[in-house]
Structures are given as structure tokens and as C-alpha cells.
């Protein structure tokens, strides 16, 4: 599954560690490794991502390592079974993130 890394697009008080804890809570799982295919790094942050589809403008959280989380505005190839947890569950107001699709040149990142 391809997702767009939105790191840096949201101005709020939620850190990557806060978002990783949010993902743990709502996914009811614990991630040990980054969700990017081929990456073997330990996950250290909840990355803000968007599905690679025009039909879904929502923002989601997935576990990423620091290296993959720094790949701003790039597409990431993540596991097909990855649970994308809506960022709205974290209490971020809808107007901050919803309906603001970020699209551009597609670059698939293989770690």
C-alpha cells in the first residue's frame, strides 16, 4: 500500500512519540519495526500519512522510524496489512487536517 508522508504539514503539540502512543492505543497492537517495506529500523515515531487515493483525504498515523519519518512529502510503500489509525482519534480538530489533500509527483520509497 502506498501512503504519502505528511510529516511537517501539521502545526500542533503532538510529537511523533505522542502519535506512536496514539497508534498503539487505537490499533491495540505494539509495533517494533518501521512499517515501510524493506526497512529494518525500530519504529520511534507515529508518522502522519495520507492514503494514495483521491477518494480519501483523511490523515492517519502509522509507526515509522526516524529516517522514514523525515522523508517529507514522499510516498512510502508500507505493508498491505498496516493499520492506519485516523488522526482525528487523537482529538485534533477536523479543520486542522481534514480535506487538505497533499498530492504531487509520486516517488515510491523502498527502504
PDB file of N, CA and C in Angstrom:
ATOM      1  N   UNK A   1       0.853  -1.162   0.000  1.00  0.00           N
ATOM      2  CA  UNK A   1       0.000   0.000   0.000  1.00  0.00           C
ATOM      3  C   UNK A   1       0.905   1.233   0.000  1.00  0.00           C
ATOM      4  N   UNK A   2       0.532   2.207  -0.772  1.00  0.00           N
ATOM      5  CA  UNK A   2       1.306   3.449  -0.862  1.00  0.00           C
ATOM      6  C   UNK A   2       0.606   4.529  -0.038  1.00  0.00           C
ATOM      7  N   UNK A   3       1.391   5.193   0.809  1.00  0.00           N
ATOM      8  CA  UNK A   3       0.892   6.334   1.581  1.00  0.00           C
ATOM      9  C   UNK A   3       1.844   7.504   1.382  1.00  0.00           C
ATOM     10  N   UNK A   4       1.317   8.706   1.536  1.00  0.00           N
ATOM     11  CA  UNK A   4       2.114   9.932   1.431  1.00  0.00           C
ATOM     12  C   UNK A   4       2.502  10.381   2.821  1.00  0.00           C
ATOM     13  N   UNK A   5       3.801  10.604   3.065  1.00  0.00           N
ATOM     14  CA  UNK A   5       4.277  11.093   4.360  1.00  0.00           C
ATOM     15  C   UNK A   5       3.954  12.576   4.466  1.00  0.00           C
ATOM     16  N   UNK A   6       3.201  12.933   5.484  1.00  0.00           N
ATOM     17  CA  UNK A   6       2.791  14.322   5.687  1.00  0.00           C
ATOM     18  C   UNK A   6       3.566  14.995   6.803  1.00  0.00           C
ATOM     19  N   UNK A   7       4.651  14.413   7.244  1.00  0.00           N
ATOM     20  CA  UNK A   7       5.445  14.976   8.327  1.00  0.00           C
ATOM     21  C   UNK A   7       5.754  16.440   8.039  1.00  0.00           C
ATOM     22  N   UNK A   8       5.474  17.273   9.019  1.00  0.00           N
ATOM     23  CA  UNK A   8       5.771  18.703   8.871  1.00  0.00           C
ATOM     24  C   UNK A   8       4.603  19.517   8.365  1.00  0.00           C
ATOM     25  N   UNK A   9       3.475  18.871   8.003  1.00  0.00           N
ATOM     26  CA  UNK A   9       2.334  19.603   7.460  1.00  0.00           C
ATOM     27  C   UNK A   9       1.318  20.025   8.504  1.00  0.00           C
ATOM     28  N   UNK A  10       1.486  19.579   9.724  1.00  0.00           N
ATOM     29  CA  UNK A  10       0.509  19.884  10.752  1.00  0.00           C
ATOM     30  C   UNK A  10       1.195  20.630  11.886  1.00  0.00           C
ATOM     31  N   UNK A  11       0.674  21.778  12.219  1.00  0.00           N
ATOM     32  CA  UNK A  11       1.211  22.549  13.330  1.00  0.00           C
ATOM     33  C   UNK A  11       0.359  22.262  14.560  1.00  0.00           C
ATOM     34  N   UNK A  12       0.887  21.487  15.477  1.00  0.00           N
ATOM     35  CA  UNK A  12       0.176  21.208  16.715  1.00  0.00           C
ATOM     36  C   UNK A  12       1.166  20.754  17.761  1.00  0.00           C
ATOM     37  N   UNK A  13       0.657  20.372  18.915  1.00  0.00           N
ATOM     38  CA  UNK A  13       1.522  19.992  20.024  1.00  0.00           C
ATOM     39  C   UNK A  13       1.762  18.488  20.098  1.00  0.00           C
ATOM     40  N   UNK A  14       1.341  17.732  19.099  1.00  0.00           N
ATOM     41  CA  UNK A  14       1.517  16.290  19.121  1.00  0.00           C
ATOM     42  C   UNK A  14       2.874  15.912  18.533  1.00  0.00           C
ATOM     43  N   UNK A  15       3.713  15.285  19.342  1.00  0.00           N
ATOM     44  CA  UNK A  15       5.019  14.839  18.859  1.00  0.00           C
ATOM     45  C   UNK A  15       4.875  13.470  18.217  1.00  0.00           C
ATOM     46  N   UNK A  16       5.924  13.018  17.561  1.00  0.00           N
ATOM     47  CA  UNK A  16       5.932  11.683  16.982  1.00  0.00           C
ATOM     48  C   UNK A  16       5.738  10.601  18.025  1.00  0.00           C
ATOM     49  N   UNK A  17       6.300  10.814  19.224  1.00  0.00           N
ATOM     50  CA  UNK A  17       6.128   9.847  20.311  1.00  0.00           C
ATOM     51  C   UNK A  17       4.677   9.817  20.773  1.00  0.00           C
ATOM     52  N   UNK A  18       4.025  10.988  20.861  1.00  0.00           N
ATOM     53  CA  UNK A  18       2.613  11.045  21.231  1.00  0.00           C
ATOM     54  C   UNK A  18       1.763  10.297  20.211  1.00  0.00           C
ATOM     55  N   UNK A  19       2.056  10.498  18.938  1.00  0.00           N
ATOM     56  CA  UNK A  19       1.277   9.850  17.892  1.00  0.00           C
ATOM     57  C   UNK A  19       1.529   8.349  17.844  1.00  0.00           C
ATOM     58  N   UNK A  20       2.742   7.911  18.176  1.00  0.00           N
ATOM     59  CA  UNK A  20       3.022   6.474  18.247  1.00  0.00           C
ATOM     60  C   UNK A  20       2.211   5.846  19.387  1.00  0.00           C
ATOM     61  N   UNK A  21       2.135   6.516  20.518  1.00  0.00           N
ATOM     62  CA  UNK A  21       1.322   6.034  21.636  1.00  0.00           C
ATOM     63  C   UNK A  21      -0.156   6.002  21.241  1.00  0.00           C
ATOM     64  N   UNK A  22      -0.587   6.997  20.476  1.00  0.00           N
ATOM     65  CA  UNK A  22      -1.960   7.041  19.950  1.00  0.00           C
ATOM     66  C   UNK A  22      -2.203   5.829  19.053  1.00  0.00           C
ATOM     67  N   UNK A  23      -1.262   5.511  18.182  1.00  0.00           N
ATOM     68  CA  UNK A  23      -1.405   4.343  17.301  1.00  0.00           C
ATOM     69  C   UNK A  23      -1.489   3.065  18.137  1.00  0.00           C
ATOM     70  N   UNK A  24      -0.605   2.916  19.117  1.00  0.00           N
ATOM     71  CA  UNK A  24      -0.624   1.735  19.998  1.00  0.00           C
ATOM     72  C   UNK A  24      -1.993   1.572  20.655  1.00  0.00           C
ATOM     73  N   UNK A  25      -2.529   2.666  21.150  1.00  0.00           N
ATOM     74  CA  UNK A  25      -3.803   2.612  21.878  1.00  0.00           C
ATOM     75  C   UNK A  25      -4.955   2.178  20.985  1.00  0.00           C
ATOM     76  N   UNK A  26      -5.086   2.798  19.816  1.00  0.00           N
ATOM     77  CA  UNK A  26      -6.250   2.530  18.975  1.00  0.00           C
ATOM     78  C   UNK A  26      -6.095   1.314  18.067  1.00  0.00           C
ATOM     79  N   UNK A  27      -4.877   0.920  17.767  1.00  0.00           N
ATOM     80  CA  UNK A  27      -4.687  -0.278  16.936  1.00  0.00           C
ATOM     81  C   UNK A  27      -4.755  -1.543  17.792  1.00  0.00           C
ATOM     82  N   UNK A  28      -4.524  -1.356  19.090  1.00  0.00           N
ATOM     83  CA  UNK A  28      -4.452  -2.458  20.044  1.00  0.00           C
ATOM     84  C   UNK A  28      -3.338  -3.431  19.678  1.00  0.00           C
ATOM     85  N   UNK A  29      -2.286  -2.869  19.127  1.00  0.00           N
ATOM     86  CA  UNK A  29      -1.091  -3.616  18.769  1.00  0.00           C
ATOM     87  C   UNK A  29       0.113  -2.847  19.282  1.00  0.00           C
ATOM     88  N   UNK A  30       1.268  -3.484  19.238  1.00  0.00           N
ATOM     89  CA  UNK A  30       2.524  -2.816  19.547  1.00  0.00           C
ATOM     90  C   UNK A  30       3.447  -3.037  18.355  1.00  0.00           C
ATOM     91  N   UNK A  31       3.968  -1.963  17.830  1.00  0.00           N
ATOM     92  CA  UNK A  31       4.871  -2.060  16.684  1.00  0.00           C
ATOM     93  C   UNK A  31       6.310  -2.004  17.173  1.00  0.00           C
ATOM     94  N   UNK A  32       7.132  -2.852  16.620  1.00  0.00           N
ATOM     95  CA  UNK A  32       8.549  -2.862  16.964  1.00  0.00           C
ATOM     96  C   UNK A  32       9.401  -2.339  15.814  1.00  0.00           C
ATOM     97  N   UNK A  33       8.950  -2.548  14.609  1.00  0.00           N
ATOM     98  CA  UNK A  33       9.697  -2.132  13.419  1.00  0.00           C
ATOM     99  C   UNK A  33       8.893  -1.108  12.623  1.00  0.00           C
ATOM    100  N   UNK A  34       9.600  -0.321  11.858  1.00  0.00           N
ATOM    101  CA  UNK A  34       9.013   0.646  10.938  1.00  0.00           C
ATOM    102  C   UNK A  34       8.107  -0.089   9.954  1.00  0.00           C
ATOM    103  N   UNK A  35       6.999   0.531   9.563  1.00  0.00           N
ATOM    104  CA  UNK A  35       6.037  -0.104   8.657  1.00  0.00           C
ATOM    105  C   UNK A  35       6.402   0.023   7.180  1.00  0.00           C
ATOM    106  N   UNK A  36       7.485   0.694   6.845  1.00  0.00           N
ATOM    107  CA  UNK A  36       7.885   0.818   5.446  1.00  0.00           C
ATOM    108  C   UNK A  36       8.521  -0.500   5.000  1.00  0.00           C
ATOM    109  N   UNK A  37       8.051  -1.010   3.880  1.00  0.00           N
ATOM    110  CA  UNK A  37       8.585  -2.270   3.361  1.00  0.00           C
ATOM    111  C   UNK A  37      10.092  -2.174   3.175  1.00  0.00           C
ATOM    112  N   UNK A  38      10.801  -3.189   3.643  1.00  0.00           N
ATOM    113  CA  UNK A  38      12.249  -3.247   3.487  1.00  0.00           C
ATOM    114  C   UNK A  38      13.037  -2.528   4.567  1.00  0.00           C
ATOM    115  N   UNK A  39      12.376  -1.711   5.370  1.00  0.00           N
ATOM    116  CA  UNK A  39      13.066  -1.001   6.448  1.00  0.00           C
ATOM    117  C   UNK A  39      13.138  -1.915   7.664  1.00  0.00           C
ATOM    118  N   UNK A  40      14.306  -2.033   8.242  1.00  0.00           N
ATOM    119  CA  UNK A  40      14.500  -2.904   9.405  1.00  0.00           C
ATOM    120  C   UNK A  40      14.711  -2.109  10.699  1.00  0.00           C
ATOM    121  N   UNK A  41      14.547  -0.784  10.622  1.00  0.00           N
ATOM    122  CA  UNK A  41      14.758   0.059  11.795  1.00  0.00           C
ATOM    123  C   UNK A  41      13.624  -0.083  12.800  1.00  0.00           C
ATOM    124  N   UNK A  42      13.947   0.165  14.050  1.00  0.00           N
ATOM    125  CA  UNK A  42      12.955   0.172  15.113  1.00  0.00           C
ATOM    126  C   UNK A  42      12.044   1.384  14.912  1.00  0.00           C
ATOM    127  N   UNK A  43      10.739   1.203  15.119  1.00  0.00           N
ATOM    128  CA  UNK A  43       9.850   2.364  14.992  1.00  0.00           C
ATOM    129  C   UNK A  43      10.064   3.267  16.198  1.00  0.00           C
ATOM    130  N   UNK A  44      10.035   4.560  15.963  1.00  0.00           N
ATOM    131  CA  UNK A  44      10.310   5.520  17.022  1.00  0.00           C
ATOM    132  C   UNK A  44       9.331   6.686  17.011  1.00  0.00           C
ATOM    133  N   UNK A  45       8.438   6.726  16.015  1.00  0.00           N
ATOM    134  CA  UNK A  45       7.504   7.841  15.905  1.00  0.00           C
ATOM    135  C   UNK A  45       6.223   7.392  15.218  1.00  0.00           C
ATOM    136  N   UNK A  46       5.176   8.098  15.526  1.00  0.00           N
ATOM    137  CA  UNK A  46       3.938   7.930  14.775  1.00  0.00           C
ATOM    138  C   UNK A  46       3.992   8.887  13.608  1.00  0.00           C
ATOM    139  N   UNK A  47       4.043   8.349  12.405  1.00  0.00           N
ATOM    140  CA  UNK A  47       4.129   9.194  11.215  1.00  0.00           C
ATOM    141  C   UNK A  47       2.746   9.592  10.730  1.00  0.00           C
ATOM    142  N   UNK A  48       2.614  10.827  10.313  1.00  0.00           N
ATOM    143  CA  UNK A  48       1.361  11.329   9.741  1.00  0.00           C
ATOM    144  C   UNK A  48       1.370  11.013   8.257  1.00  0.00           C
ATOM    145  N   UNK A  49       0.375  10.268   7.803  1.00  0.00           N
ATOM    146  CA  UNK A  49       0.325   9.860   6.399  1.00  0.00           C
ATOM    147  C   UNK A  49      -1.078  10.031   5.835  1.00  0.00           C
ATOM    148  N   UNK A  50      -1.157   9.938   4.518  1.00  0.00           N
ATOM    149  CA  UNK A  50      -2.421  10.001   3.801  1.00  0.00           C
ATOM    150  C   UNK A  50      -2.410   8.889   2.770  1.00  0.00           C
ATOM    151  N   UNK A  51      -3.542   8.218   2.597  1.00  0.00           N
ATOM    152  CA  UNK A  51      -3.627   7.158   1.576  1.00  0.00           C
ATOM    153  C   UNK A  51      -3.392   7.747   0.193  1.00  0.00           C
ATOM    154  N   UNK A  52      -2.870   6.917  -0.693  1.00  0.00           N
ATOM    155  CA  UNK A  52      -2.603   7.350  -2.066  1.00  0.00           C
ATOM    156  C   UNK A  52      -3.856   7.140  -2.912  1.00  0.00           C
ATOM    157  N   UNK A  53      -4.892   7.874  -2.572  1.00  0.00           N
ATOM    158  CA  UNK A  53      -6.136   7.814  -3.332  1.00  0.00           C
ATOM    159  C   UNK A  53      -6.846   9.156  -3.220  1.00  0.00           C
ATOM    160  N   UNK A  54      -7.385   9.615  -4.309  1.00  0.00           N
ATOM    161  CA  UNK A  54      -8.086  10.896  -4.305  1.00  0.00           C
ATOM    162  C   UNK A  54      -9.387  10.819  -3.510  1.00  0.00           C
ATOM    163  N   UNK A  55      -9.916   9.611  -3.315  1.00  0.00           N
ATOM    164  CA  UNK A  55     -11.187   9.431  -2.625  1.00  0.00           C
ATOM    165  C   UNK A  55     -11.063   9.570  -1.109  1.00  0.00           C
ATOM    166  N   UNK A  56      -9.862   9.557  -0.582  1.00  0.00           N
ATOM    167  CA  UNK A  56      -9.669   9.605   0.866  1.00  0.00           C
ATOM    168  C   UNK A  56      -8.715  10.732   1.223  1.00  0.00           C
ATOM    169  N   UNK A  57      -9.252  11.826   1.737  1.00  0.00           N
ATOM    170  CA  UNK A  57      -8.430  12.969   2.128  1.00  0.00           C
ATOM    171  C   UNK A  57      -8.086  12.979   3.602  1.00  0.00           C
ATOM    172  N   UNK A  58      -8.446  11.899   4.325  1.00  0.00           N
ATOM    173  CA  UNK A  58      -8.163  11.833   5.761  1.00  0.00           C
ATOM    174  C   UNK A  58      -6.680  11.636   6.030  1.00  0.00           C
ATOM    175  N   UNK A  59      -6.277  12.000   7.243  1.00  0.00           N
ATOM    176  CA  UNK A  59      -4.907  11.810   7.687  1.00  0.00           C
ATOM    177  C   UNK A  59      -4.880  10.673   8.695  1.00  0.00           C
ATOM    178  N   UNK A  60      -3.802   9.886   8.666  1.00  0.00           N
ATOM    179  CA  UNK A  60      -3.671   8.709   9.505  1.00  0.00           C
ATOM    180  C   UNK A  60      -2.310   8.687  10.196  1.00  0.00           C
ATOM    181  N   UNK A  61      -2.191   7.806  11.188  1.00  0.00           N
ATOM    182  CA  UNK A  61      -0.944   7.591  11.907  1.00  0.00           C
ATOM    183  C   UNK A  61      -0.503   6.157  11.681  1.00  0.00           C
ATOM    184  N   UNK A  62       0.796   5.965  11.399  1.00  0.00           N
ATOM    185  CA  UNK A  62       1.399   4.639  11.342  1.00  0.00           C
ATOM    186  C   UNK A  62       2.773   4.705  12.005  1.00  0.00           C
ATOM    187  N   UNK A  63       3.261   3.585  12.519  1.00  0.00           N
ATOM    188  CA  UNK A  63       4.598   3.557  13.123  1.00  0.00           C
ATOM    189  C   UNK A  63       5.691   3.677  12.060  1.00  0.00           C
ATOM    190  N   UNK A  64       6.610   4.611  12.269  1.00  0.00           N
ATOM    191  CA  UNK A  64       7.745   4.809  11.373  1.00  0.00           C
ATOM    192  C   UNK A  64       9.023   4.969  12.190  1.00  0.00           C
ATOM    193  N   UNK A  65      10.153   4.719  11.560  1.00  0.00           N
ATOM    194  CA  UNK A  65      11.435   5.038  12.181  1.00  0.00           C
ATOM    195  C   UNK A  65      11.740   6.514  11.909  1.00  0.00           C
ATOM    196  N   UNK A  66      12.742   7.054  12.577  1.00  0.00           N
ATOM    197  CA  UNK A  66      13.093   8.463  12.369  1.00  0.00           C
ATOM    198  C   UNK A  66      13.503   8.735  10.924  1.00  0.00           C
ATOM    199  N   UNK A  67      14.263   7.809  10.316  1.00  0.00           N
ATOM    200  CA  UNK A  67      14.717   8.011   8.936  1.00  0.00           C
ATOM    201  C   UNK A  67      13.544   8.117   7.967  1.00  0.00           C
ATOM    202  N   UNK A  68      12.601   7.186   8.054  1.00  0.00           N
ATOM    203  CA  UNK A  68      11.451   7.204   7.142  1.00  0.00           C
ATOM    204  C   UNK A  68      10.518   8.370   7.448  1.00  0.00           C
ATOM    205  N   UNK A  69      10.413   8.738   8.723  1.00  0.00           N
ATOM    206  CA  UNK A  69       9.549   9.846   9.096  1.00  0.00           C
ATOM    207  C   UNK A  69      10.082  11.182   8.585  1.00  0.00           C
ATOM    208  N   UNK A  70      11.384  11.270   8.327  1.00  0.00           N
ATOM    209  CA  UNK A  70      11.982  12.508   7.799  1.00  0.00           C
ATOM    210  C   UNK A  70      11.778  12.655   6.289  1.00  0.00           C
ATOM    211  N   UNK A  71      11.254  11.660   5.627  1.00  0.00           N
ATOM    212  CA  UNK A  71      11.040  11.714   4.169  1.00  0.00           C
ATOM    213  C   UNK A  71       9.745  12.465   3.885  1.00  0.00           C
ATOM    214  N   UNK A  72       9.796  13.765   4.056  1.00  0.00           N
ATOM    215  CA  UNK A  72       8.619  14.620   3.920  1.00  0.00           C
ATOM    216  C   UNK A  72       8.102  14.659   2.492  1.00  0.00           C
ATOM    217  N   UNK A  73       6.778  14.607   2.395  1.00  0.00           N
ATOM    218  CA  UNK A  73       6.078  14.718   1.114  1.00  0.00           C
ATOM    219  C   UNK A  73       6.485  13.638   0.120  1.00  0.00           C
ATOM    220  N   UNK A  74       6.990  12.520   0.605  1.00  0.00           N
ATOM    221  CA  UNK A  74       7.330  11.402  -0.261  1.00  0.00           C
ATOM    222  C   UNK A  74       6.331  10.280  -0.047  1.00  0.00           C
ATOM    223  N   UNK A  75       6.167   9.473  -1.078  1.00  0.00           N
ATOM    224  CA  UNK A  75       5.327   8.297  -0.942  1.00  0.00           C
ATOM    225  C   UNK A  75       6.141   7.195  -0.297  1.00  0.00           C
ATOM    226  N   UNK A  76       5.486   6.445   0.588  1.00  0.00           N
ATOM    227  CA  UNK A  76       6.121   5.335   1.282  1.00  0.00           C
ATOM    228  C   UNK A  76       5.351   4.068   0.955  1.00  0.00           C
ATOM    229  N   UNK A  77       6.052   3.018   0.631  1.00  0.00           N
ATOM    230  CA  UNK A  77       5.446   1.723   0.359  1.00  0.00           C
ATOM    231  C   UNK A  77       5.415   0.955   1.679  1.00  0.00           C
ATOM    232  N   UNK A  78       4.219   0.841   2.287  1.00  0.00           N
ATOM    233  CA  UNK A  78       4.076   0.190   3.583  1.00  0.00           C
ATOM    234  C   UNK A  78       3.377  -1.151   3.437  1.00  0.00           C
ATOM    235  N   UNK A  79       3.485  -1.970   4.463  1.00  0.00           N
ATOM    236  CA  UNK A  79       2.874  -3.296   4.442  1.00  0.00           C
ATOM    237  C   UNK A  79       1.394  -3.189   4.115  1.00  0.00           C
ATOM    238  N   UNK A  80       0.885  -4.126   3.335  1.00  0.00           N
ATOM    239  CA  UNK A  80      -0.527  -4.138   2.949  1.00  0.00           C
ATOM    240  C   UNK A  80      -1.454  -4.247   4.164  1.00  0.00           C
ATOM    241  N   UNK A  81      -1.036  -4.973   5.178  1.00  0.00           N
ATOM    242  CA  UNK A  81      -1.873  -5.154   6.354  1.00  0.00           C
ATOM    243  C   UNK A  81      -1.707  -4.087   7.416  1.00  0.00           C
ATOM    244  N   UNK A  82      -0.982  -3.023   7.110  1.00  0.00           N
ATOM    245  CA  UNK A  82      -0.725  -1.964   8.096  1.00  0.00           C
ATOM    246  C   UNK A  82      -2.040  -1.314   8.529  1.00  0.00           C
ATOM    247  N   UNK A  83      -2.203  -1.165   9.818  1.00  0.00           N
ATOM    248  CA  UNK A  83      -3.395  -0.494  10.343  1.00  0.00           C
ATOM    249  C   UNK A  83      -3.154   1.001  10.362  1.00  0.00           C
ATOM    250  N   UNK A  84      -3.927   1.721   9.569  1.00  0.00           N
ATOM    251  CA  UNK A  84      -3.865   3.175   9.556  1.00  0.00           C
ATOM    252  C   UNK A  84      -4.908   3.681  10.534  1.00  0.00           C
ATOM    253  N   UNK A  85      -4.469   4.374  11.562  1.00  0.00           N
ATOM    254  CA  UNK A  85      -5.366   4.883  12.597  1.00  0.00           C
ATOM    255  C   UNK A  85      -5.659   6.355  12.296  1.00  0.00           C
ATOM    256  N   UNK A  86      -6.938   6.707  12.158  1.00  0.00           N
ATOM    257  CA  UNK A  86      -7.279   8.107  11.856  1.00  0.00           C
ATOM    258  C   UNK A  86      -6.712   9.062  12.899  1.00  0.00           C
ATOM    259  N   UNK A  87      -6.124  10.118  12.443  1.00  0.00           N
ATOM    260  CA  UNK A  87      -5.509  11.088  13.335  1.00  0.00           C
ATOM    261  C   UNK A  87      -6.568  11.833  14.133  1.00  0.00           C
ATOM    262  N   UNK A  88      -7.800  11.871  13.640  1.00  0.00           N
ATOM    263  CA  UNK A  88      -8.874  12.554  14.363  1.00  0.00           C
ATOM    264  C   UNK A  88      -9.141  11.901  15.712  1.00  0.00           C
ATOM    265  N   UNK A  89      -8.766  10.628  15.883  1.00  0.00           N
ATOM    266  CA  UNK A  89      -8.930   9.963  17.176  1.00  0.00           C
ATOM    267  C   UNK A  89      -8.066  10.630  18.240  1.00  0.00           C
ATOM    268  N   UNK A  90      -7.037  11.349  17.837  1.00  0.00           N
ATOM    269  CA  UNK A  90      -6.128  11.989  18.792  1.00  0.00           C
ATOM    270  C   UNK A  90      -6.685  13.309  19.316  1.00  0.00           C
ATOM    271  N   UNK A  91      -7.891  13.684  18.874  1.00  0.00           N
ATOM    272  CA  UNK A  91      -8.516  14.910  19.356  1.00  0.00           C
ATOM    273  C   UNK A  91      -8.082  16.151  18.607  1.00  0.00           C
ATOM    274  N   UNK A  92      -7.475  15.979  17.445  1.00  0.00           N
ATOM    275  CA  UNK A  92      -7.065  17.128  16.638  1.00  0.00           C
ATOM    276  C   UNK A  92      -8.296  17.617  15.874  1.00  0.00           C
ATOM    277  N   UNK A  93      -8.624  18.890  15.939  1.00  0.00           N
ATOM    278  CA  UNK A  93      -9.826  19.392  15.268  1.00  0.00           C
ATOM    279  C   UNK A  93      -9.829  19.058  13.783  1.00  0.00           C
ATOM    280  N   UNK A  94     -11.007  18.733  13.259  1.00  0.00           N
ATOM    281  CA  UNK A  94     -11.157  18.352  11.857  1.00  0.00           C
ATOM    282  C   UNK A  94     -10.572  19.388  10.905  1.00  0.00           C
ATOM    283  N   UNK A  95     -10.771  20.671  11.174  1.00  0.00           N
ATOM    284  CA  UNK A  95     -10.290  21.705  10.265  1.00  0.00           C
ATOM    285  C   UNK A  95      -8.788  21.767  10.131  1.00  0.00           C
ATOM    286  N   UNK A  96      -8.064  21.181  11.075  1.00  0.00           N
ATOM    287  CA  UNK A  96      -6.604  21.231  11.041  1.00  0.00           C
ATOM    288  C   UNK A  96      -6.054  20.309   9.965  1.00  0.00           C
ATOM    289  N   UNK A  97      -6.729  19.182   9.732  1.00  0.00           N
ATOM    290  CA  UNK A  97      -6.156  18.212   8.813  1.00  0.00           C
ATOM    291  C   UNK A  97      -7.115  17.699   7.755  1.00  0.00           C
ATOM    292  N   UNK A  98      -8.408  17.727   7.992  1.00  0.00           N
ATOM    293  CA  UNK A  98      -9.335  17.061   7.091  1.00  0.00           C
ATOM    294  C   UNK A  98      -9.563  17.866   5.814  1.00  0.00           C
ATOM    295  N   UNK A  99      -9.622  17.172   4.709  1.00  0.00           N
ATOM    296  CA  UNK A  99      -9.947  17.795   3.444  1.00  0.00           C
ATOM    297  C   UNK A  99      -8.801  18.551   2.797  1.00  0.00           C
ATOM    298  N   UNK A 100      -7.614  18.396   3.315  1.00  0.00           N
ATOM    299  CA  UNK A 100      -6.471  19.112   2.777  1.00  0.00           C
ATOM    300  C   UNK A 100      -5.531  18.093   2.154  1.00  0.00           C
ATOM    301  N   UNK A 101      -5.920  17.585   1.015  1.00  0.00           N
ATOM    302  CA  UNK A 101      -5.138  16.540   0.358  1.00  0.00           C
ATOM    303  C   UNK A 101      -3.813  17.112  -0.131  1.00  0.00           C
ATOM    304  N   UNK A 102      -2.757  16.378   0.103  1.00  0.00           N
ATOM    305  CA  UNK A 102      -1.429  16.775  -0.345  1.00  0.00           C
ATOM    306  C   UNK A 102      -1.051  15.797  -1.443  1.00  0.00           C
ATOM    307  N   UNK A 103      -0.940  16.250  -2.632  1.00  0.00           N
ATOM    308  CA  UNK A 103      -0.616  15.375  -3.754  1.00  0.00           C
ATOM    309  C   UNK A 103       0.537  16.001  -4.544  1.00  0.00           C
ATOM    310  N   UNK A 104       1.224  15.203  -5.278  1.00  0.00           N
ATOM    311  CA  UNK A 104       2.331  15.710  -6.074  1.00  0.00           C
ATOM    312  C   UNK A 104       2.972  14.602  -6.860  1.00  0.00           C
ATOM    313  N   UNK A 105       4.182  14.807  -7.285  1.00  0.00           N
ATOM    314  CA  UNK A 105       4.906  13.805  -8.025  1.00  0.00           C
ATOM    315  C   UNK A 105       5.108  12.579  -7.160  1.00  0.00           C
ATOM    316  N   UNK A 106       4.844  11.419  -7.704  1.00  0.00           N
ATOM    317  CA  UNK A 106       4.920  10.173  -6.951  1.00  0.00           C
ATOM    318  C   UNK A 106       6.338   9.610  -6.981  1.00  0.00           C
ATOM    319  N   UNK A 107       6.895   9.405  -5.807  1.00  0.00           N
ATOM    320  CA  UNK A 107       8.197   8.786  -5.645  1.00  0.00           C
ATOM    321  C   UNK A 107       8.032   7.688  -4.629  1.00  0.00           C
ATOM    322  N   UNK A 108       8.061   6.440  -5.043  1.00  0.00           N
ATOM    323  CA  UNK A 108       7.922   5.327  -4.123  1.00  0.00           C
ATOM    324  C   UNK A 108       9.259   5.107  -3.431  1.00  0.00           C
ATOM    325  N   UNK A 109       9.211   5.058  -2.109  1.00  0.00           N
ATOM    326  CA  UNK A 109      10.421   4.884  -1.323  1.00  0.00           C
ATOM    327  C   UNK A 109      10.510   3.447  -0.878  1.00  0.00           C
ATOM    328  N   UNK A 110      11.552   2.777  -1.304  1.00  0.00           N
ATOM    329  CA  UNK A 110      11.801   1.398  -0.863  1.00  0.00           C
ATOM    330  C   UNK A 110      13.006   1.427   0.061  1.00  0.00           C
ATOM    331  N   UNK A 111      12.775   1.003   1.284  1.00  0.00           N
ATOM    332  CA  UNK A 111      13.873   1.014   2.258  1.00  0.00           C
ATOM    333  C   UNK A 111      14.650  -0.278   2.194  1.00  0.00           C
TER     334      UNK A 111
END
